[in-house]
Amino acid sequence: LGDVLHALRENRVLRVTETAEGAQAYELVHDYLALQIELDPETAARKAAQELLDRRVGDFQRYGALLAEQELSVIEAQIDHLRVDDDARTLIARTRAVRLRQRRIALALSLVAVFAVIGALAAGLFAAVRDSRSRQERLELAQTSEAEIAAQRDIAQEQSLIAQSGRVALEALLARIPCDRI
């Protein structure tokens, strides 16, 4: 087996790599050969995560590009089985920090929106209560004015009745007095 592995390395079919545990591992150099060999799903997922990490570390070094949320999830799911160098650690740490900051900003904006809605509702409620009180005061004033007008009308009617009854009494009194006495 050692001779076969040596021959495959010499012919650049296999590449020797090191696992996270420090053990020696072999990786196919040509992707078309990998398609010919069926891998178990766990190994395939680990290989895909390692390739993704390696590719994204290169993008990070060249462009400063961070991992997308889904990419970070894939890498974190396999992190214990991946070769993670200092550049990869930096990429993962910066991505986590930016995602955390984005979540905090989103939470803060959500809280601001909730407080703005609560404030708007409170302002609307305050305006409605103030308007209701104002209408109530106007209604009470109108009712008071109506009562005063009705009372003044009643007083005027009473005064008119008193005056009328005084005239009638005076006329009756005058009617009893003989004309020659006047």
Protein backbone atom coordinates (compact mmCIF):
# COMPACT_ATOMS: atom_id res chain seq x y z
CA LEU A 1 0.00 0.00 0.00
CA GLY A 2 2.88 2.35 0.78
CA ASP A 3 4.34 1.87 -2.72
CA VAL A 4 0.95 2.61 -4.32
CA LEU A 5 0.51 5.76 -2.27
CA HIS A 6 4.05 6.83 -3.10
CA ALA A 7 3.44 6.29 -6.81
CA LEU A 8 0.17 8.27 -6.69
CA ARG A 9 1.98 11.14 -4.94
CA GLU A 10 4.81 11.10 -7.44
CA ASN A 11 2.33 11.21 -10.32
CA ARG A 12 0.50 14.08 -8.63
CA VAL A 13 -2.74 12.17 -8.24
CA LEU A 14 -2.69 12.41 -4.43
CA ARG A 15 -1.60 15.26 -2.22
CA VAL A 16 -0.48 14.73 1.39
CA THR A 17 -2.28 16.97 3.89
CA GLU A 18 -2.47 17.19 7.63
CA THR A 19 -5.73 16.83 9.58
CA ALA A 20 -6.78 19.01 12.50
CA GLU A 21 -5.49 16.28 14.83
CA GLY A 22 -2.06 16.39 13.15
CA ALA A 23 -2.44 13.04 11.36
CA GLN A 24 -1.38 12.60 7.76
CA ALA A 25 -4.20 12.49 5.20
CA TYR A 26 -4.35 12.11 1.44
CA GLU A 27 -6.40 14.27 -0.89
CA LEU A 28 -7.09 13.75 -4.59
CA VAL A 29 -5.51 16.51 -6.65
CA HIS A 30 -7.86 16.31 -9.64
CA ASP A 31 -11.57 16.90 -9.05
CA TYR A 32 -12.63 14.57 -11.85
CA LEU A 33 -11.02 11.70 -9.98
CA ALA A 34 -12.97 12.61 -6.88
CA LEU A 35 -16.19 12.19 -8.84
CA GLN A 36 -15.16 8.65 -9.70
CA ILE A 37 -14.65 7.71 -6.07
CA GLU A 38 -17.74 7.58 -3.92
CA LEU A 39 -17.27 9.17 -0.48
CA ASP A 40 -19.46 8.70 2.53
CA PRO A 41 -21.66 11.73 3.25
CA GLU A 42 -19.74 12.75 6.36
CA THR A 43 -16.42 12.77 4.52
CA ALA A 44 -17.98 14.59 1.57
CA ALA A 45 -19.40 17.26 3.92
CA ARG A 46 -16.04 17.66 5.63
CA LYS A 47 -14.23 17.92 2.28
CA ALA A 48 -16.75 20.46 0.97
CA ALA A 49 -16.39 22.54 4.15
CA GLN A 50 -12.58 22.45 3.88
CA GLU A 51 -12.68 23.49 0.22
CA LEU A 52 -15.12 26.27 1.03
CA LEU A 53 -12.94 27.50 3.88
CA ASP A 54 -9.78 27.40 1.76
CA ARG A 55 -11.47 29.26 -1.09
CA ARG A 56 -12.99 31.90 1.19
CA VAL A 57 -9.66 32.40 3.05
CA GLY A 58 -8.13 33.24 -0.34
CA ASP A 59 -10.98 35.71 -1.01
CA PHE A 60 -10.45 37.18 2.43
CA GLN A 61 -6.74 37.64 1.86
CA ARG A 62 -7.25 39.22 -1.58
CA TYR A 63 -10.42 41.28 -1.08
CA GLY A 64 -11.18 41.29 2.63
CA ALA A 65 -14.44 39.43 1.90
CA LEU A 66 -16.09 37.78 4.89
CA LEU A 67 -18.15 34.60 5.01
CA ALA A 68 -21.85 34.65 4.22
CA GLU A 69 -24.15 33.46 7.02
CA GLN A 70 -24.75 30.10 5.34
CA GLU A 71 -21.04 29.60 4.62
CA LEU A 72 -20.21 30.28 8.26
CA SER A 73 -22.82 27.71 9.32
CA VAL A 74 -21.34 25.05 7.02
CA ILE A 75 -17.81 25.70 8.28
CA GLU A 76 -18.84 25.84 11.95
CA ALA A 77 -20.63 22.49 11.61
CA GLN A 78 -17.34 20.86 10.54
CA ILE A 79 -14.85 23.11 12.40
CA ASP A 80 -13.48 20.30 14.58
CA HIS A 81 -12.51 18.28 11.49
CA LEU A 82 -10.98 21.09 9.39
CA ARG A 83 -7.45 22.41 8.99
CA VAL A 84 -7.80 25.92 10.36
CA ASP A 85 -4.73 28.14 10.04
CA ASP A 86 -4.30 31.65 11.46
CA ASP A 87 -5.83 33.31 8.37
CA ALA A 88 -8.87 31.02 8.61
CA ARG A 89 -9.22 31.77 12.33
CA THR A 90 -9.05 35.50 11.59
CA LEU A 91 -11.67 35.16 8.84
CA ILE A 92 -14.01 33.19 11.10
CA ALA A 93 -13.50 35.54 14.06
CA ARG A 94 -14.10 38.68 11.98
CA THR A 95 -17.15 37.14 10.33
CA ARG A 96 -18.59 36.20 13.73
CA ALA A 97 -17.90 39.71 15.07
CA VAL A 98 -19.57 41.38 12.08
CA ARG A 99 -22.58 39.02 12.25
CA LEU A 100 -22.91 39.69 15.99
CA ARG A 101 -22.74 43.45 15.37
CA GLN A 102 -25.36 43.12 12.60
CA ARG A 103 -27.67 41.16 14.91
CA ARG A 104 -27.24 43.78 17.64
CA ILE A 105 -27.97 46.60 15.19
CA ALA A 106 -31.03 44.74 13.92
CA LEU A 107 -32.20 44.21 17.50
CA ALA A 108 -31.62 47.88 18.34
CA LEU A 109 -33.52 48.99 15.24
CA SER A 110 -36.34 46.63 16.12
CA LEU A 111 -36.49 48.05 19.63
CA VAL A 112 -36.46 51.61 18.26
CA ALA A 113 -39.31 50.69 15.91
CA VAL A 114 -41.30 49.12 18.76
CA PHE A 115 -40.74 52.17 20.98
CA ALA A 116 -41.68 54.47 18.09
CA VAL A 117 -44.94 52.58 17.60
CA ILE A 118 -45.62 52.66 21.35
CA GLY A 119 -44.82 56.40 21.40
CA ALA A 120 -47.12 57.05 18.45
CA LEU A 121 -49.90 55.08 20.12
CA ALA A 122 -49.36 56.93 23.40
CA ALA A 123 -49.40 60.29 21.59
CA GLY A 124 -52.57 59.30 19.77
CA LEU A 125 -54.17 58.15 23.00
CA PHE A 126 -53.13 61.38 24.75
CA ALA A 127 -54.60 63.46 21.91
CA ALA A 128 -57.82 61.42 21.99
CA VAL A 129 -58.15 61.85 25.77
CA ARG A 130 -57.44 65.58 25.48
CA ASP A 131 -59.98 65.91 22.66
CA SER A 132 -62.54 63.94 24.65
CA ARG A 133 -62.02 66.18 27.68
CA SER A 134 -62.34 69.27 25.51
CA ARG A 135 -65.59 67.97 24.00
CA GLN A 136 -66.86 67.09 27.46
CA GLU A 137 -66.06 70.60 28.73
CA ARG A 138 -67.80 72.18 25.72
CA LEU A 139 -70.81 69.94 26.27
CA GLU A 140 -70.93 70.84 29.95
CA LEU A 141 -70.62 74.54 29.07
CA ALA A 142 -73.42 74.21 26.50
CA GLN A 143 -75.60 72.39 29.01
CA THR A 144 -74.85 75.05 31.63
CA SER A 145 -75.68 77.79 29.13
CA GLU A 146 -78.92 76.03 28.22
CA ALA A 147 -79.81 75.72 31.90
CA GLU A 148 -79.07 79.42 32.48
CA ILE A 149 -81.17 80.41 29.47
CA ALA A 150 -84.02 78.19 30.66
CA ALA A 151 -83.74 79.66 34.18
CA GLN A 152 -83.76 83.21 32.80
CA ARG A 153 -86.77 82.33 30.64
CA ASP A 154 -88.54 80.89 33.70
CA ILE A 155 -87.72 84.04 35.70
CA ALA A 156 -88.99 86.23 32.87
CA GLN A 157 -92.19 84.18 32.67
CA GLU A 158 -92.64 84.44 36.45
CA GLN A 159 -92.05 88.19 36.35
CA SER A 160 -94.50 88.45 33.48
CA LEU A 161 -97.08 86.46 35.44
CA ILE A 162 -96.45 88.57 38.54
CA ALA A 163 -96.84 91.75 36.53
CA GLN A 164 -99.95 90.42 34.86
CA SER A 165 -101.47 89.30 38.17
CA GLY A 166 -100.59 92.73 39.65
CA ARG A 167 -102.45 94.43 36.80
CA VAL A 168 -105.42 92.13 37.23
CA ALA A 169 -105.44 92.80 40.99
CA LEU A 170 -105.16 96.52 40.39
CA GLU A 171 -107.98 96.40 37.88
CA ALA A 172 -110.13 94.41 40.32
CA LEU A 173 -109.39 96.88 43.03
CA LEU A 174 -110.16 99.77 40.77
CA ALA A 175 -113.38 98.09 39.72
CA ARG A 176 -114.59 98.00 43.36
CA ILE A 177 -113.97 101.62 44.02
CA PRO A 178 -116.92 103.78 42.99
CA CYS A 179 -116.24 106.16 40.20
CA ASP A 180 -117.13 109.24 42.20
CA ARG A 181 -114.31 108.58 44.62
CA ILE A 182 -111.74 108.66 41.98
